[in-house]
N, C-alpha and C. Protein backbone atom coordinates (compact mmCIF):
# COMPACT_ATOMS: atom_id res chain seq x y z
N UNK A 1 62.42 107.46 108.81
CA UNK A 1 63.64 108.24 108.63
C UNK A 1 64.60 108.03 109.80
N UNK A 2 64.03 107.97 111.00
CA UNK A 2 64.86 107.76 112.18
C UNK A 2 65.53 106.40 112.15
N UNK A 3 64.77 105.38 111.72
CA UNK A 3 65.34 104.03 111.63
C UNK A 3 66.43 103.96 110.57
N UNK A 4 66.23 104.68 109.46
CA UNK A 4 67.24 104.70 108.40
C UNK A 4 68.53 105.34 108.90
N UNK A 5 68.39 106.45 109.64
CA UNK A 5 69.57 107.14 110.17
C UNK A 5 70.32 106.24 111.14
N UNK A 6 69.57 105.55 111.96
CA UNK A 6 70.18 104.64 112.92
C UNK A 6 70.90 103.50 112.20
N UNK A 7 70.26 102.98 111.16
CA UNK A 7 70.87 101.90 110.37
C UNK A 7 72.12 102.40 109.66
N UNK A 8 72.08 103.62 109.11
CA UNK A 8 73.22 104.19 108.38
C UNK A 8 74.43 104.36 109.30
N UNK A 9 74.21 104.93 110.47
CA UNK A 9 75.33 105.14 111.40
C UNK A 9 75.88 103.82 111.93
N UNK A 10 75.03 102.83 112.06
CA UNK A 10 75.50 101.51 112.51
C UNK A 10 76.39 100.87 111.45
N UNK A 11 75.97 100.96 110.20
CA UNK A 11 76.79 100.42 109.11
C UNK A 11 78.11 101.17 109.01
N UNK A 12 78.04 102.51 109.12
CA UNK A 12 79.26 103.33 109.05
C UNK A 12 80.22 102.96 110.17
N UNK A 13 79.68 102.74 111.37
CA UNK A 13 80.51 102.35 112.51
C UNK A 13 81.18 101.01 112.25
N UNK A 14 80.43 100.04 111.72
CA UNK A 14 81.00 98.73 111.41
C UNK A 14 82.12 98.84 110.37
N UNK A 15 81.90 99.71 109.38
CA UNK A 15 82.92 99.88 108.34
C UNK A 15 84.19 100.50 108.92
N UNK A 16 84.04 101.48 109.79
CA UNK A 16 85.20 102.12 110.42
C UNK A 16 85.96 101.12 111.26
N UNK A 17 85.22 100.33 112.05
CA UNK A 17 85.86 99.32 112.89
C UNK A 17 86.57 98.28 112.03
N UNK A 18 85.92 97.87 110.93
CA UNK A 18 86.52 96.88 110.03
C UNK A 18 87.79 97.42 109.40
N UNK A 19 87.77 98.71 108.99
CA UNK A 19 88.95 99.30 108.37
C UNK A 19 90.12 99.34 109.35
N UNK A 20 89.89 99.90 110.53
CA UNK A 20 90.98 100.02 111.49
C UNK A 20 91.46 98.64 111.96
N UNK A 21 90.53 97.73 112.14
CA UNK A 21 90.92 96.39 112.56
C UNK A 21 91.74 95.67 111.51
N UNK A 22 91.31 95.74 110.25
CA UNK A 22 92.03 95.06 109.17
C UNK A 22 93.38 95.72 108.90
N UNK A 23 93.43 97.05 108.99
CA UNK A 23 94.71 97.73 108.74
C UNK A 23 95.74 97.37 109.80
N UNK A 24 95.33 97.35 111.04
CA UNK A 24 96.26 96.96 112.12
C UNK A 24 96.67 95.51 111.95
N UNK A 25 95.72 94.65 111.56
CA UNK A 25 96.02 93.22 111.37
C UNK A 25 97.10 93.04 110.31
N UNK A 26 96.92 93.68 109.16
CA UNK A 26 97.88 93.48 108.07
C UNK A 26 99.23 94.12 108.37
N UNK A 27 99.24 95.25 109.05
CA UNK A 27 100.52 95.85 109.44
C UNK A 27 101.28 94.91 110.36
N UNK A 28 100.59 94.33 111.32
CA UNK A 28 101.24 93.38 112.23
C UNK A 28 101.63 92.10 111.51
N UNK A 29 100.81 91.64 110.57
CA UNK A 29 101.13 90.44 109.81
C UNK A 29 102.39 90.64 108.98
N UNK A 30 102.49 91.80 108.29
CA UNK A 30 103.64 92.06 107.43
C UNK A 30 104.90 92.42 108.22
N UNK A 31 104.75 92.52 109.51
CA UNK A 31 105.95 92.66 110.35
C UNK A 31 106.77 91.37 110.30
N UNK A 32 106.08 90.27 110.02
CA UNK A 32 106.74 88.96 110.01
C UNK A 32 106.66 88.25 108.66
N UNK A 33 105.61 88.54 107.87
CA UNK A 33 105.35 87.82 106.62
C UNK A 33 105.56 88.75 105.43
N UNK A 34 106.25 88.30 104.39
CA UNK A 34 106.42 89.14 103.20
C UNK A 34 105.09 89.43 102.52
N UNK A 35 104.80 90.68 102.17
CA UNK A 35 103.58 90.97 101.40
C UNK A 35 103.60 90.21 100.08
N UNK A 36 102.59 89.40 99.79
CA UNK A 36 102.62 88.58 98.57
C UNK A 36 102.51 89.40 97.29
N UNK A 37 101.78 90.52 97.35
CA UNK A 37 101.62 91.40 96.20
C UNK A 37 101.20 92.76 96.72
N UNK A 38 101.42 93.80 95.94
CA UNK A 38 101.06 95.15 96.37
C UNK A 38 100.03 95.73 95.40
N UNK A 39 99.29 96.76 95.84
CA UNK A 39 98.33 97.40 94.94
C UNK A 39 98.97 97.91 93.66
N UNK A 40 100.19 98.44 93.74
CA UNK A 40 100.86 98.93 92.53
C UNK A 40 101.11 97.81 91.54
N UNK A 41 101.52 96.65 92.04
CA UNK A 41 101.75 95.50 91.16
C UNK A 41 100.46 95.12 90.43
N UNK A 42 99.35 95.16 91.15
CA UNK A 42 98.06 94.81 90.56
C UNK A 42 97.69 95.83 89.49
N UNK A 43 97.89 97.12 89.81
CA UNK A 43 97.58 98.19 88.84
C UNK A 43 98.41 98.03 87.58
N UNK A 44 99.70 97.75 87.73
CA UNK A 44 100.57 97.58 86.56
C UNK A 44 100.13 96.40 85.71
N UNK A 45 99.70 95.32 86.36
CA UNK A 45 99.27 94.13 85.61
C UNK A 45 97.97 94.39 84.84
N UNK A 46 97.18 95.34 85.34
CA UNK A 46 95.89 95.64 84.70
C UNK A 46 96.02 96.68 83.59
N UNK A 47 97.16 97.39 83.55
CA UNK A 47 97.36 98.39 82.52
C UNK A 47 97.51 97.74 81.15
N UNK A 48 97.12 98.48 80.13
CA UNK A 48 97.27 97.97 78.77
C UNK A 48 98.76 97.91 78.42
N UNK A 49 99.26 96.76 77.99
CA UNK A 49 100.69 96.65 77.69
C UNK A 49 101.09 97.50 76.49
N UNK A 50 102.31 98.01 76.51
CA UNK A 50 102.83 98.80 75.39
C UNK A 50 102.99 97.90 74.17
N UNK A 51 103.06 98.51 73.01
CA UNK A 51 103.20 97.76 71.76
C UNK A 51 104.47 96.91 71.78
N UNK A 52 104.30 95.63 71.50
CA UNK A 52 105.44 94.73 71.46
C UNK A 52 105.89 94.24 72.82
N UNK A 53 105.17 94.62 73.89
CA UNK A 53 105.54 94.20 75.22
C UNK A 53 104.41 93.43 75.86
N UNK A 54 104.75 92.58 76.80
CA UNK A 54 103.76 91.82 77.56
C UNK A 54 103.96 92.11 79.05
N UNK A 55 102.93 91.86 79.81
CA UNK A 55 103.02 92.07 81.24
C UNK A 55 103.95 91.03 81.87
N UNK A 56 104.67 91.46 82.89
CA UNK A 56 105.48 90.52 83.66
C UNK A 56 105.54 91.00 85.09
N UNK A 57 105.78 90.08 85.98
CA UNK A 57 105.91 90.40 87.40
C UNK A 57 107.16 89.70 87.91
N UNK A 58 108.25 90.43 87.91
CA UNK A 58 109.55 89.87 88.29
C UNK A 58 109.89 90.34 89.70
N UNK A 59 109.78 89.44 90.67
CA UNK A 59 110.08 89.77 92.06
C UNK A 59 110.58 88.53 92.77
N UNK A 60 111.46 88.74 93.71
CA UNK A 60 112.04 87.62 94.45
C UNK A 60 112.43 88.13 95.83
N UNK A 61 111.61 87.82 96.81
CA UNK A 61 111.85 88.33 98.18
C UNK A 61 113.11 87.70 98.77
N UNK A 62 113.96 88.54 99.31
CA UNK A 62 115.14 88.06 100.02
C UNK A 62 115.26 88.82 101.34
N UNK A 63 115.80 88.20 102.38
CA UNK A 63 115.99 88.92 103.64
C UNK A 63 117.00 90.03 103.49
N UNK A 64 116.95 90.98 104.40
CA UNK A 64 117.82 92.16 104.28
C UNK A 64 119.29 91.77 104.32
N UNK A 65 119.62 90.70 105.01
CA UNK A 65 121.03 90.29 105.07
C UNK A 65 121.55 89.85 103.71
N UNK A 66 120.64 89.55 102.77
CA UNK A 66 121.05 89.16 101.42
C UNK A 66 120.96 90.31 100.42
N UNK A 67 120.80 91.52 100.94
CA UNK A 67 120.82 92.72 100.10
C UNK A 67 122.05 93.53 100.48
N UNK A 68 122.86 93.85 99.51
CA UNK A 68 124.11 94.54 99.76
C UNK A 68 123.93 95.79 100.63
N UNK A 69 124.77 95.95 101.64
CA UNK A 69 124.75 97.20 102.41
C UNK A 69 124.96 98.42 101.53
N UNK A 70 125.61 98.22 100.38
CA UNK A 70 125.80 99.34 99.45
C UNK A 70 124.46 99.88 98.95
N UNK A 71 123.51 98.97 98.65
CA UNK A 71 122.21 99.42 98.17
C UNK A 71 121.40 100.04 99.30
N UNK A 72 121.49 99.47 100.47
CA UNK A 72 120.79 100.05 101.62
C UNK A 72 121.26 101.48 101.87
N UNK A 73 122.56 101.68 101.81
CA UNK A 73 123.13 103.00 102.01
C UNK A 73 122.78 103.94 100.85
N UNK A 74 122.78 103.40 99.64
CA UNK A 74 122.50 104.23 98.46
C UNK A 74 121.09 104.80 98.48
N UNK A 75 120.09 104.00 98.87
CA UNK A 75 118.72 104.51 98.88
C UNK A 75 118.52 105.52 100.01
N UNK A 76 119.22 105.34 101.11
CA UNK A 76 119.16 106.34 102.18
C UNK A 76 119.80 107.64 101.70
N UNK A 77 120.96 107.54 101.07
CA UNK A 77 121.65 108.72 100.56
C UNK A 77 120.83 109.44 99.49
N UNK A 78 120.10 108.69 98.71
CA UNK A 78 119.32 109.26 97.62
C UNK A 78 117.95 109.76 98.05
N UNK A 79 117.28 108.98 98.92
CA UNK A 79 115.87 109.22 99.20
C UNK A 79 115.58 109.82 100.58
N UNK A 80 116.42 109.51 101.57
CA UNK A 80 115.99 109.82 102.95
C UNK A 80 117.20 109.84 103.89
N UNK A 81 117.92 110.94 103.89
CA UNK A 81 119.14 111.05 104.70
C UNK A 81 118.93 110.76 106.19
N UNK A 82 117.77 111.13 106.70
CA UNK A 82 117.52 111.03 108.14
C UNK A 82 116.62 109.83 108.47
N UNK A 83 116.70 108.79 107.65
CA UNK A 83 115.85 107.62 107.82
C UNK A 83 115.90 107.04 109.23
N UNK A 84 117.08 106.95 109.80
CA UNK A 84 117.22 106.34 111.13
C UNK A 84 116.85 107.30 112.26
N UNK A 85 116.67 108.56 111.95
CA UNK A 85 116.45 109.56 113.00
C UNK A 85 114.98 109.96 113.16
N UNK A 86 114.22 109.98 112.07
CA UNK A 86 112.85 110.49 112.16
C UNK A 86 111.87 109.36 112.49
N UNK A 87 110.63 109.78 112.81
CA UNK A 87 109.56 108.82 113.10
C UNK A 87 108.58 108.78 111.93
N UNK A 88 109.14 108.57 110.74
CA UNK A 88 108.29 108.42 109.56
C UNK A 88 108.20 109.65 108.69
N UNK A 89 108.41 110.83 109.27
CA UNK A 89 108.26 112.08 108.53
C UNK A 89 109.45 112.99 108.81
N UNK A 90 110.07 113.48 107.75
CA UNK A 90 111.21 114.38 107.89
C UNK A 90 110.70 115.81 107.72
N UNK A 91 110.41 116.47 108.83
CA UNK A 91 109.81 117.79 108.80
C UNK A 91 110.73 118.82 108.16
N UNK A 92 112.03 118.68 108.39
CA UNK A 92 112.99 119.61 107.78
C UNK A 92 112.96 119.49 106.26
N UNK A 93 112.93 118.24 105.76
CA UNK A 93 112.89 118.01 104.32
C UNK A 93 111.59 118.53 103.72
N UNK A 94 110.49 118.37 104.44
CA UNK A 94 109.19 118.87 103.96
C UNK A 94 109.22 120.39 103.83
N UNK A 95 109.79 121.05 104.84
CA UNK A 95 109.86 122.52 104.82
C UNK A 95 110.74 123.00 103.67
N UNK A 96 111.89 122.33 103.47
CA UNK A 96 112.79 122.72 102.39
C UNK A 96 112.14 122.48 101.02
N UNK A 97 111.41 121.37 100.89
CA UNK A 97 110.74 121.07 99.63
C UNK A 97 109.66 122.10 99.33
N UNK A 98 108.93 122.53 100.36
CA UNK A 98 107.90 123.55 100.16
C UNK A 98 108.51 124.87 99.69
N UNK A 99 109.62 125.25 100.34
CA UNK A 99 110.30 126.49 99.95
C UNK A 99 110.82 126.41 98.51
N UNK A 100 111.37 125.25 98.16
CA UNK A 100 111.89 125.06 96.81
C UNK A 100 110.77 125.10 95.78
N UNK A 101 109.67 124.40 96.07
CA UNK A 101 108.57 124.30 95.12
C UNK A 101 107.87 125.63 94.90
N UNK A 102 107.87 126.50 95.92
CA UNK A 102 107.25 127.81 95.78
C UNK A 102 107.98 128.66 94.75
N UNK A 103 109.27 128.37 94.55
CA UNK A 103 110.08 129.14 93.60
C UNK A 103 110.00 128.57 92.18
N UNK A 104 109.45 127.35 92.07
CA UNK A 104 109.35 126.72 90.75
C UNK A 104 108.05 127.12 90.08
N UNK A 105 108.13 127.62 88.90
CA UNK A 105 106.93 128.02 88.16
C UNK A 105 106.77 127.10 86.96
N UNK A 106 105.96 126.06 87.15
CA UNK A 106 105.74 125.11 86.07
C UNK A 106 106.85 124.12 85.88
N UNK A 107 107.86 124.19 86.74
CA UNK A 107 108.98 123.26 86.63
C UNK A 107 108.73 122.04 87.51
N UNK A 108 109.66 121.08 87.42
CA UNK A 108 109.52 119.85 88.18
C UNK A 108 109.60 120.15 89.68
N UNK A 109 108.64 119.63 90.43
CA UNK A 109 108.58 119.87 91.86
C UNK A 109 109.39 118.84 92.63
N UNK A 110 109.80 119.22 93.81
CA UNK A 110 110.62 118.35 94.65
C UNK A 110 109.75 117.71 95.73
N UNK A 111 109.90 116.41 95.92
CA UNK A 111 109.15 115.72 96.95
C UNK A 111 109.95 115.57 98.22
N UNK A 112 109.28 115.12 99.28
CA UNK A 112 109.97 114.95 100.56
C UNK A 112 109.50 113.68 101.27
N UNK A 113 109.03 112.70 100.49
CA UNK A 113 108.56 111.45 101.09
C UNK A 113 109.73 110.65 101.64
N UNK A 114 109.59 110.16 102.84
CA UNK A 114 110.62 109.33 103.45
C UNK A 114 110.50 107.90 102.96
N UNK A 115 111.49 107.09 103.28
CA UNK A 115 111.43 105.66 102.95
C UNK A 115 110.25 105.01 103.66
N UNK A 116 109.96 105.45 104.86
CA UNK A 116 108.81 104.90 105.60
C UNK A 116 107.51 105.23 104.88
N UNK A 117 107.36 106.46 104.42
CA UNK A 117 106.15 106.85 103.68
C UNK A 117 106.03 106.07 102.38
N UNK A 118 107.13 105.92 101.68
CA UNK A 118 107.10 105.18 100.41
C UNK A 118 106.75 103.71 100.65
N UNK A 119 107.24 103.15 101.74
CA UNK A 119 106.91 101.77 102.07
C UNK A 119 105.43 101.62 102.36
N UNK A 120 104.90 102.53 103.16
CA UNK A 120 103.47 102.50 103.48
C UNK A 120 102.63 102.61 102.21
N UNK A 121 103.01 103.53 101.33
CA UNK A 121 102.27 103.72 100.09
C UNK A 121 102.36 102.49 99.20
N UNK A 122 103.56 101.94 99.04
CA UNK A 122 103.76 100.80 98.14
C UNK A 122 103.03 99.56 98.60
N UNK A 123 103.02 99.32 99.91
CA UNK A 123 102.46 98.06 100.43
C UNK A 123 100.94 98.12 100.59
N UNK A 124 100.41 99.28 100.98
CA UNK A 124 99.01 99.32 101.38
C UNK A 124 98.09 100.17 100.49
N UNK A 125 98.65 101.02 99.63
CA UNK A 125 97.81 102.00 98.96
C UNK A 125 97.97 101.99 97.45
N UNK A 126 97.05 102.67 96.79
CA UNK A 126 97.06 102.78 95.34
C UNK A 126 98.00 103.91 94.91
N UNK A 127 98.47 103.93 93.66
CA UNK A 127 99.48 104.90 93.25
C UNK A 127 98.97 106.31 92.94
N UNK A 128 97.69 106.48 92.63
CA UNK A 128 97.19 107.80 92.25
C UNK A 128 97.29 108.78 93.42
N UNK A 129 97.54 110.06 93.07
CA UNK A 129 97.66 111.09 94.10
C UNK A 129 96.29 111.69 94.42
N UNK A 130 96.01 111.81 95.70
CA UNK A 130 94.79 112.48 96.17
C UNK A 130 94.98 112.78 97.65
N UNK A 131 94.15 113.68 98.16
CA UNK A 131 94.24 114.02 99.58
C UNK A 131 93.84 112.84 100.45
N UNK A 132 92.89 112.03 99.97
CA UNK A 132 92.47 110.85 100.74
C UNK A 132 93.63 109.87 100.85
N UNK A 133 94.29 109.61 99.71
CA UNK A 133 95.41 108.68 99.74
C UNK A 133 96.55 109.22 100.60
N UNK A 134 96.78 110.52 100.53
CA UNK A 134 97.84 111.11 101.33
C UNK A 134 97.54 110.98 102.82
N UNK A 135 96.28 111.16 103.17
CA UNK A 135 95.90 110.99 104.57
C UNK A 135 96.10 109.56 105.04
N UNK A 136 95.72 108.60 104.19
CA UNK A 136 95.92 107.20 104.53
C UNK A 136 97.40 106.85 104.60
N UNK A 137 98.20 107.51 103.75
CA UNK A 137 99.65 107.29 103.79
C UNK A 137 100.22 107.71 105.14
N UNK A 138 99.76 108.84 105.65
CA UNK A 138 100.20 109.29 106.98
C UNK A 138 99.81 108.27 108.04
N UNK A 139 98.58 107.77 107.95
CA UNK A 139 98.09 106.78 108.91
C UNK A 139 98.92 105.50 108.88
N UNK A 140 99.15 104.95 107.69
CA UNK A 140 99.91 103.70 107.60
C UNK A 140 101.39 103.91 107.94
N UNK A 141 101.93 105.08 107.62
CA UNK A 141 103.31 105.37 108.00
C UNK A 141 103.44 105.37 109.51
N UNK A 142 102.48 105.98 110.18
CA UNK A 142 102.49 105.99 111.65
C UNK A 142 102.41 104.56 112.19
N UNK A 143 101.56 103.73 111.60
CA UNK A 143 101.41 102.35 112.07
C UNK A 143 102.69 101.54 111.91
N UNK A 144 103.34 101.65 110.75
CA UNK A 144 104.54 100.82 110.55
C UNK A 144 105.71 101.34 111.38
N UNK A 145 105.79 102.64 111.58
CA UNK A 145 106.84 103.17 112.44
C UNK A 145 106.63 102.74 113.88
N UNK A 146 105.37 102.61 114.27
CA UNK A 146 105.03 102.22 115.64
C UNK A 146 105.30 100.74 115.89
N UNK A 147 105.09 99.90 114.87
CA UNK A 147 105.14 98.46 115.09
C UNK A 147 106.32 97.74 114.42
N UNK A 148 106.92 98.34 113.38
CA UNK A 148 108.06 97.71 112.71
C UNK A 148 109.35 98.38 113.16
N UNK A 149 110.44 97.65 113.05
CA UNK A 149 111.75 98.25 113.27
C UNK A 149 112.19 98.95 111.99
N UNK A 150 113.20 99.82 112.10
CA UNK A 150 113.74 100.46 110.90
C UNK A 150 114.31 99.41 109.95
N UNK A 151 114.88 98.38 110.52
CA UNK A 151 115.44 97.30 109.70
C UNK A 151 114.34 96.62 108.88
N UNK A 152 113.19 96.38 109.51
CA UNK A 152 112.08 95.76 108.80
C UNK A 152 111.51 96.68 107.72
N UNK A 153 111.43 97.96 108.02
CA UNK A 153 110.94 98.92 107.03
C UNK A 153 111.85 98.90 105.80
N UNK A 154 113.16 98.92 106.03
CA UNK A 154 114.09 98.88 104.91
C UNK A 154 113.97 97.56 104.15
N UNK A 155 113.80 96.45 104.86
CA UNK A 155 113.68 95.14 104.21
C UNK A 155 112.47 95.09 103.29
N UNK A 156 111.32 95.56 103.79
CA UNK A 156 110.11 95.55 102.98
C UNK A 156 110.26 96.52 101.80
N UNK A 157 110.77 97.70 102.08
CA UNK A 157 110.96 98.71 101.03
C UNK A 157 111.79 98.17 99.89
N UNK A 158 112.92 97.56 100.19
CA UNK A 158 113.83 97.08 99.14
C UNK A 158 113.34 95.81 98.47
N UNK A 159 112.27 95.23 98.97
CA UNK A 159 111.73 94.03 98.33
C UNK A 159 110.48 94.30 97.50
N UNK A 160 109.82 95.46 97.71
CA UNK A 160 108.58 95.70 96.98
C UNK A 160 108.66 96.90 96.04
N UNK A 161 109.67 97.75 96.19
CA UNK A 161 109.71 98.97 95.39
C UNK A 161 109.89 98.65 93.91
N UNK A 162 109.21 99.43 93.07
CA UNK A 162 109.29 99.26 91.62
C UNK A 162 110.66 99.74 91.14
N UNK A 163 111.36 98.88 90.38
CA UNK A 163 112.70 99.20 89.91
C UNK A 163 112.85 99.01 88.40
N UNK A 164 111.75 99.06 87.70
CA UNK A 164 111.74 98.89 86.26
C UNK A 164 110.39 98.37 85.83
N UNK A 165 110.19 98.19 84.53
CA UNK A 165 108.92 97.69 84.03
C UNK A 165 108.75 96.22 84.44
N UNK A 166 107.84 96.00 85.38
CA UNK A 166 107.59 94.66 85.87
C UNK A 166 108.64 94.14 86.82
N UNK A 167 109.56 95.00 87.25
CA UNK A 167 110.66 94.59 88.13
C UNK A 167 110.43 95.20 89.51
N UNK A 168 110.38 94.35 90.51
CA UNK A 168 110.11 94.80 91.87
C UNK A 168 111.14 94.22 92.84
N UNK A 169 111.76 95.08 93.58
CA UNK A 169 112.68 94.64 94.62
C UNK A 169 114.12 94.56 94.17
N UNK A 170 115.00 94.56 95.16
CA UNK A 170 116.44 94.60 94.91
C UNK A 170 116.95 93.36 94.20
N UNK A 171 116.48 92.19 94.59
CA UNK A 171 116.99 90.96 94.00
C UNK A 171 116.65 90.88 92.51
N UNK A 172 115.39 91.18 92.17
CA UNK A 172 114.98 91.14 90.77
C UNK A 172 115.75 92.18 89.95
N UNK A 173 115.96 93.37 90.54
CA UNK A 173 116.68 94.42 89.83
C UNK A 173 118.14 94.04 89.60
N UNK A 174 118.79 93.50 90.63
CA UNK A 174 120.20 93.12 90.51
C UNK A 174 120.39 92.04 89.46
N UNK A 175 119.51 91.06 89.44
CA UNK A 175 119.65 89.96 88.48
C UNK A 175 119.27 90.40 87.07
N UNK A 176 118.31 91.31 86.94
CA UNK A 176 117.92 91.80 85.62
C UNK A 176 118.97 92.70 85.02
N UNK A 177 119.46 93.65 85.81
CA UNK A 177 120.38 94.66 85.27
C UNK A 177 121.85 94.22 85.28
N UNK A 178 122.25 93.47 86.33
CA UNK A 178 123.67 93.17 86.48
C UNK A 178 123.97 91.67 86.54
N UNK A 179 122.93 90.84 86.41
CA UNK A 179 123.10 89.38 86.35
C UNK A 179 123.87 88.85 87.57
N UNK A 180 123.50 89.36 88.72
CA UNK A 180 124.10 88.93 89.98
C UNK A 180 123.08 89.10 91.09
N UNK A 181 123.27 88.41 92.22
CA UNK A 181 122.35 88.61 93.35
C UNK A 181 122.52 89.99 93.96
N UNK A 182 121.50 90.44 94.67
CA UNK A 182 121.54 91.76 95.29
C UNK A 182 122.65 91.88 96.32
N UNK A 183 123.06 90.76 96.88
CA UNK A 183 124.11 90.78 97.90
C UNK A 183 125.46 91.18 97.32
N UNK A 184 125.63 91.08 95.99
CA UNK A 184 126.92 91.33 95.35
C UNK A 184 127.01 92.70 94.67
N UNK A 185 126.03 93.54 94.85
CA UNK A 185 126.05 94.84 94.19
C UNK A 185 127.19 95.72 94.72
N UNK A 186 127.90 96.35 93.82
CA UNK A 186 128.97 97.26 94.19
C UNK A 186 128.38 98.62 94.57
N UNK A 187 129.22 99.49 95.08
CA UNK A 187 128.76 100.84 95.43
C UNK A 187 128.27 101.58 94.18
N UNK A 188 129.03 101.47 93.09
CA UNK A 188 128.63 102.14 91.86
C UNK A 188 127.32 101.63 91.31
N UNK A 189 127.13 100.31 91.31
CA UNK A 189 125.89 99.71 90.82
C UNK A 189 124.72 100.09 91.71
N UNK A 190 124.93 100.05 93.02
CA UNK A 190 123.88 100.41 93.96
C UNK A 190 123.46 101.86 93.78
N UNK A 191 124.42 102.74 93.60
CA UNK A 191 124.11 104.16 93.40
C UNK A 191 123.34 104.37 92.10
N UNK A 192 123.68 103.63 91.05
CA UNK A 192 122.96 103.76 89.78
C UNK A 192 121.52 103.26 89.91
N UNK A 193 121.32 102.18 90.64
CA UNK A 193 119.95 101.70 90.87
C UNK A 193 119.16 102.75 91.62
N UNK A 194 119.79 103.39 92.59
CA UNK A 194 119.11 104.43 93.37
C UNK A 194 118.70 105.61 92.49
N UNK A 195 119.47 105.87 91.43
CA UNK A 195 119.14 107.02 90.56
C UNK A 195 117.85 106.82 89.80
N UNK A 196 117.43 105.57 89.59
CA UNK A 196 116.24 105.34 88.76
C UNK A 196 114.95 105.35 89.56
N UNK A 197 115.04 105.33 90.89
CA UNK A 197 113.84 105.14 91.71
C UNK A 197 112.76 106.19 91.51
N UNK A 198 113.08 107.46 91.28
CA UNK A 198 111.97 108.40 91.05
C UNK A 198 111.16 108.11 89.79
N UNK A 199 111.76 107.44 88.82
CA UNK A 199 111.07 107.17 87.56
C UNK A 199 111.59 105.85 86.97
N UNK A 200 111.36 104.73 87.64
CA UNK A 200 112.01 103.46 87.27
C UNK A 200 111.57 102.88 85.93
N UNK A 201 110.42 103.28 85.42
CA UNK A 201 109.97 102.70 84.15
C UNK A 201 110.54 103.44 82.94
N UNK A 202 111.18 104.58 83.18
CA UNK A 202 111.77 105.33 82.06
C UNK A 202 113.29 105.38 82.15
N UNK A 203 113.83 105.00 83.29
CA UNK A 203 115.28 105.06 83.47
C UNK A 203 115.87 103.66 83.53
N UNK A 204 117.11 103.55 83.12
CA UNK A 204 117.78 102.25 83.09
C UNK A 204 119.21 102.42 83.61
N UNK A 205 119.58 101.73 84.70
CA UNK A 205 120.92 101.90 85.25
C UNK A 205 122.02 101.31 84.37
N UNK A 206 121.65 100.43 83.45
CA UNK A 206 122.64 99.83 82.57
C UNK A 206 123.03 100.79 81.44
N UNK A 207 122.08 101.62 81.02
CA UNK A 207 122.34 102.62 79.98
C UNK A 207 122.02 104.00 80.54
N UNK A 208 122.82 104.47 81.47
CA UNK A 208 122.50 105.73 82.14
C UNK A 208 122.72 106.95 81.25
N UNK A 209 121.86 107.93 81.40
CA UNK A 209 122.02 109.20 80.73
C UNK A 209 123.07 110.03 81.48
N UNK A 210 123.56 111.11 80.86
CA UNK A 210 124.50 111.99 81.58
C UNK A 210 123.93 112.48 82.92
N UNK A 211 122.62 112.74 82.94
CA UNK A 211 122.00 113.17 84.20
C UNK A 211 122.10 112.09 85.27
N UNK A 212 121.82 110.83 84.90
CA UNK A 212 121.90 109.74 85.87
C UNK A 212 123.33 109.54 86.35
N UNK A 213 124.30 109.69 85.48
CA UNK A 213 125.70 109.56 85.89
C UNK A 213 126.09 110.67 86.86
N UNK A 214 125.59 111.86 86.60
CA UNK A 214 125.85 112.98 87.51
C UNK A 214 125.17 112.73 88.86
N UNK A 215 123.96 112.21 88.80
CA UNK A 215 123.21 111.89 90.03
C UNK A 215 123.92 110.77 90.80
N UNK A 216 124.45 109.79 90.08
CA UNK A 216 125.19 108.70 90.72
C UNK A 216 126.37 109.24 91.51
N UNK A 217 127.10 110.17 90.93
CA UNK A 217 128.26 110.74 91.62
C UNK A 217 127.84 111.48 92.89
N UNK A 218 126.71 112.17 92.83
CA UNK A 218 126.22 112.85 94.04
C UNK A 218 125.84 111.84 95.11
N UNK A 219 125.17 110.76 94.70
CA UNK A 219 124.77 109.74 95.68
C UNK A 219 126.00 109.09 96.31
N UNK A 220 127.01 108.79 95.50
CA UNK A 220 128.25 108.20 96.03
C UNK A 220 128.91 109.16 97.02
N UNK A 221 128.90 110.44 96.70
CA UNK A 221 129.45 111.45 97.61
C UNK A 221 128.68 111.46 98.93
N UNK A 222 127.36 111.40 98.84
CA UNK A 222 126.53 111.43 100.04
C UNK A 222 126.66 110.13 100.84
N UNK A 223 126.86 109.02 100.14
CA UNK A 223 127.10 107.74 100.84
C UNK A 223 128.35 107.84 101.70
N UNK A 224 129.38 108.49 101.17
CA UNK A 224 130.61 108.69 101.95
C UNK A 224 130.35 109.58 103.16
N UNK A 225 129.48 110.56 102.99
CA UNK A 225 129.14 111.44 104.11
C UNK A 225 128.44 110.69 105.22
N UNK A 226 127.49 109.84 104.84
CA UNK A 226 126.70 109.10 105.83
C UNK A 226 127.56 108.03 106.50
N UNK A 227 128.41 107.38 105.73
CA UNK A 227 129.32 106.37 106.28
C UNK A 227 128.73 104.98 106.25
N UNK A 228 127.79 104.69 107.13
CA UNK A 228 127.14 103.38 107.14
C UNK A 228 125.81 103.48 107.87
N UNK A 229 124.98 102.48 107.69
CA UNK A 229 123.69 102.42 108.36
C UNK A 229 123.79 101.47 109.53
N UNK A 230 123.52 101.94 110.70
CA UNK A 230 123.59 101.13 111.91
C UNK A 230 122.19 101.03 112.50
N UNK A 231 121.46 99.96 112.14
CA UNK A 231 120.07 99.81 112.58
C UNK A 231 120.00 99.60 114.09
């Protein structure tokens, strides 16, 4: 029994060391190298396709300089107003979301994930919600904030985020929806793309609902408030 316990703790120690070592390695690697695929992309490819549809993986990595500043500003205005100010977590937004959600009884809840958290989740973790995944999200968010610049976080975010069925990243979204490169997106187009991010597989910026049009106007208003992103 004593030998088994010793063997168990030794294996557990090796696994812990392997996890932390590999996580730091990949975070540092992706500081310079585009992630070739994400867990979410793999999950989507493994899902049973809808009737009359086939799986596809439409993505095209481009550097941040080739993504319109309009889209960069739009996702900040929509998802994370204090992106340049916080260290991965917006405590004010979390507190406000908690207060809001306490008042909702069975209604749609409000989230407070930052762009950094979403990037960590998209690149390194699986999509299902659990306390374990949330804890790992905090860990990876801390790692990328510690080792990546805000510019790099935005670059990775806008290249891997799901923007439709089988559509990932700004370039693929711009060419699919507007038949132009991401560098040419207008403020209105960028704001509409930002409106679909909470539910990209059910929303379409080309055929927006009245709600999405209303949301677009709010994002455009907030973009004017923010002014510009100065990394």
